[in-house]
Amino acid sequence: MRVKEVADLVGISVRTLHHYDEIGLLIPAQVTDAGYRLYSDTNLEMLQQILFFREIGLPLKRISEIINDPSFDRLEALELHRKMLLDKRAHLDKMIATIDKTIRYTKGEIQMSNKEKFEGFDFSHNPYEQEARERWGDEAVDKANASIGSLSREEQAGMTEEMVAIFE
């Protein structure tokens, strides 16, 4: 398939496919003498994999590292994507249920406890961790997490208070 055909099939831009080729993420199976990029079924499978990784928020550099790793297992990656998407769907279903309940509560149709008002919210993960991993590497972030994890709750609370004071 030519680049335009792939772009139309997938719903991405030709420029995106050109970019993927330029950075070595998705190299077409063949380039004609006239310069047309031709994509094989194997290329399409790899593109699907790339787009699955993009869907879960991975940056292109990390995707390249993963799919070019000799130990990369496509089936294992697909199963992991499926699990992650099912988890995401379960989370979204819980959030929608909380919104629906809140709407009924706001209309005066039901009572809602304070705990119920916050079902589905999960702040246990650090939204900046992925960025930190990209900037300073997994080892540095894992070391920092271990250091913080070894602190007592009181010490962690004190550290949080210090950070808030610095921020303010």
Protein backbone atom coordinates (compact mmCIF):
# COMPACT_ATOMS: atom_id res chain seq x y z
CA MET A 1 0.00 0.00 0.00
CA ARG A 2 1.15 3.53 -0.72
CA VAL A 3 1.51 6.05 2.09
CA LYS A 4 -1.73 7.87 1.17
CA GLU A 5 -3.68 4.61 1.17
CA VAL A 6 -2.33 3.71 4.61
CA ALA A 7 -3.08 7.19 5.93
CA ASP A 8 -6.66 6.99 4.65
CA LEU A 9 -7.13 3.45 5.98
CA VAL A 10 -5.86 4.29 9.45
CA GLY A 11 -7.11 7.85 9.75
CA ILE A 12 -3.74 9.48 10.34
CA SER A 13 -1.90 12.01 8.23
CA VAL A 14 0.63 11.25 5.54
CA ARG A 15 2.95 13.57 7.46
CA THR A 16 2.69 11.31 10.52
CA LEU A 17 3.75 8.30 8.46
CA HIS A 18 6.61 10.31 6.96
CA HIS A 19 7.68 11.32 10.47
CA TYR A 20 7.58 7.72 11.69
CA ASP A 21 9.81 6.79 8.75
CA GLU A 22 12.21 9.69 9.40
CA ILE A 23 12.71 8.70 13.05
CA GLY A 24 13.04 5.01 12.19
CA LEU A 25 9.87 3.99 13.99
CA LEU A 26 8.03 2.61 10.96
CA ILE A 27 10.18 2.10 7.91
CA PRO A 28 8.22 1.16 4.79
CA ALA A 29 8.90 -2.26 3.32
CA GLN A 30 9.95 -0.63 0.07
CA VAL A 31 10.62 2.76 -1.48
CA THR A 32 10.17 2.89 -5.25
CA ASP A 33 12.59 4.57 -7.62
CA ALA A 34 10.06 7.40 -7.80
CA GLY A 35 10.25 7.78 -4.02
CA TYR A 36 6.88 6.26 -3.13
CA ARG A 37 6.78 4.56 0.25
CA LEU A 38 5.15 1.13 0.06
CA TYR A 39 3.85 -0.55 3.21
CA SER A 40 3.46 -4.30 3.71
CA ASP A 41 1.02 -6.19 5.91
CA THR A 42 3.86 -6.51 8.44
CA ASN A 43 4.24 -2.71 8.38
CA LEU A 44 0.51 -2.35 9.02
CA GLU A 45 0.72 -4.71 12.00
CA MET A 46 3.60 -2.67 13.39
CA LEU A 47 1.65 0.55 12.81
CA GLN A 48 -1.27 -0.90 14.72
CA GLN A 49 1.08 -1.74 17.58
CA ILE A 50 2.54 1.77 17.53
CA LEU A 51 -0.94 3.29 17.67
CA PHE A 52 -1.91 1.03 20.58
CA PHE A 53 1.15 2.30 22.47
CA ARG A 54 0.23 5.90 21.57
CA GLU A 55 -3.30 5.28 22.86
CA ILE A 56 -1.92 4.48 26.31
CA GLY A 57 0.19 7.63 26.23
CA LEU A 58 3.69 6.38 25.48
CA PRO A 59 6.03 8.83 23.72
CA LEU A 60 7.42 7.83 20.33
CA LYS A 61 10.96 7.45 21.67
CA ARG A 62 9.81 4.91 24.26
CA ILE A 63 7.69 3.06 21.67
CA SER A 64 10.74 2.77 19.44
CA GLU A 65 12.79 1.35 22.30
CA ILE A 66 10.09 -1.22 23.08
CA ILE A 67 9.36 -2.47 19.57
CA ASN A 68 13.03 -2.58 18.60
CA ASP A 69 14.00 -4.56 21.69
CA PRO A 70 14.93 -8.12 20.65
CA SER A 71 12.76 -9.49 23.47
CA PHE A 72 9.64 -7.65 22.19
CA ASP A 73 6.71 -10.05 22.00
CA ARG A 74 3.81 -8.69 19.97
CA LEU A 75 1.23 -11.08 21.43
CA GLU A 76 2.31 -10.26 24.97
CA ALA A 77 2.10 -6.55 24.17
CA LEU A 78 -1.40 -6.96 22.70
CA GLU A 79 -2.56 -8.82 25.80
CA LEU A 80 -1.11 -6.07 28.00
CA HIS A 81 -2.84 -3.38 25.90
CA ARG A 82 -6.12 -5.24 26.27
CA LYS A 83 -5.75 -5.45 30.05
CA MET A 84 -4.85 -1.77 30.31
CA LEU A 85 -7.83 -0.75 28.19
CA LEU A 86 -10.18 -2.96 30.23
CA ASP A 87 -8.82 -1.33 33.40
CA LYS A 88 -9.34 2.09 31.84
CA ARG A 89 -12.89 1.16 30.85
CA ALA A 90 -13.64 -0.06 34.39
CA HIS A 91 -12.32 3.22 35.77
CA LEU A 92 -14.42 5.24 33.31
CA ASP A 93 -17.51 3.16 34.13
CA LYS A 94 -16.98 3.91 37.82
CA MET A 95 -16.58 7.64 37.11
CA ILE A 96 -19.73 7.66 34.95
CA ALA A 97 -21.66 5.91 37.72
CA THR A 98 -20.46 8.54 40.21
CA ILE A 99 -21.51 11.33 37.84
CA ASP A 100 -24.93 9.72 37.30
CA LYS A 101 -25.38 9.36 41.06
CA THR A 102 -24.28 12.97 41.61
CA ILE A 103 -26.81 14.18 39.03
CA ARG A 104 -29.58 12.28 40.85
CA TYR A 105 -28.31 13.67 44.17
CA THR A 106 -28.25 17.21 42.77
CA LYS A 107 -31.86 16.80 41.58
CA GLY A 108 -32.81 15.69 45.10
CA GLU A 109 -33.73 12.18 44.00
CA ILE A 110 -31.27 10.33 46.26
CA GLN A 111 -28.96 10.83 49.20
CA MET A 112 -25.22 10.49 48.75
CA SER A 113 -22.51 10.07 51.35
CA ASN A 114 -19.32 12.08 51.14
CA LYS A 115 -17.44 8.87 50.37
CA GLU A 116 -19.79 8.10 47.46
CA LYS A 117 -19.15 11.56 46.00
CA PHE A 118 -15.52 10.65 45.40
CA GLU A 119 -15.80 7.05 44.19
CA GLY A 120 -13.72 6.48 41.10
CA PHE A 121 -11.14 9.16 41.78
CA ASP A 122 -7.65 7.74 42.07
CA PHE A 123 -4.74 9.95 42.97
CA SER A 124 -2.43 7.12 43.97
CA HIS A 125 -0.25 7.58 40.89
CA ASN A 126 1.99 10.53 40.24
CA PRO A 127 1.00 12.21 36.95
CA TYR A 128 4.53 13.59 36.58
CA GLU A 129 6.33 10.29 37.06
CA GLN A 130 6.42 9.41 33.35
CA GLU A 131 7.95 12.80 32.54
CA ALA A 132 10.54 12.30 35.29
CA ARG A 133 11.38 8.87 33.89
CA GLU A 134 11.91 10.36 30.43
CA ARG A 135 14.10 13.17 31.78
CA TRP A 136 16.18 11.39 34.41
CA GLY A 137 15.70 7.67 33.71
CA ASP A 138 14.01 4.77 35.46
CA GLU A 139 16.83 4.17 37.93
CA ALA A 140 16.72 7.71 39.36
CA VAL A 141 12.92 7.68 39.68
CA ASP A 142 12.85 4.20 41.22
CA LYS A 143 15.51 5.28 43.73
CA ALA A 144 13.53 8.41 44.65
CA ASN A 145 10.30 6.40 45.01
CA ALA A 146 12.05 3.86 47.22
CA SER A 147 13.48 6.64 49.36
CA ILE A 148 10.07 8.25 49.85
CA GLY A 149 8.44 4.86 50.35
CA SER A 150 10.79 4.11 53.22
CA LEU A 151 9.56 7.17 55.14
CA SER A 152 6.81 6.90 57.75
CA ARG A 153 3.42 8.48 57.03
CA GLU A 154 4.29 11.33 59.37
CA GLU A 155 7.61 11.94 57.60
CA GLN A 156 5.86 11.85 54.21
CA ALA A 157 3.23 14.32 55.46
CA GLY A 158 5.99 16.60 56.75
CA MET A 159 7.75 16.45 53.40
CA THR A 160 4.48 17.27 51.64
CA GLU A 161 3.94 20.27 53.93
CA GLU A 162 7.47 21.50 53.19
CA MET A 163 6.88 21.20 49.43
CA VAL A 164 3.57 23.08 49.68
CA ALA A 165 5.28 25.84 51.70
CA ILE A 166 8.03 26.11 49.08
CA PHE A 167 5.45 26.20 46.31
CA GLU A 168 3.42 28.89 48.08
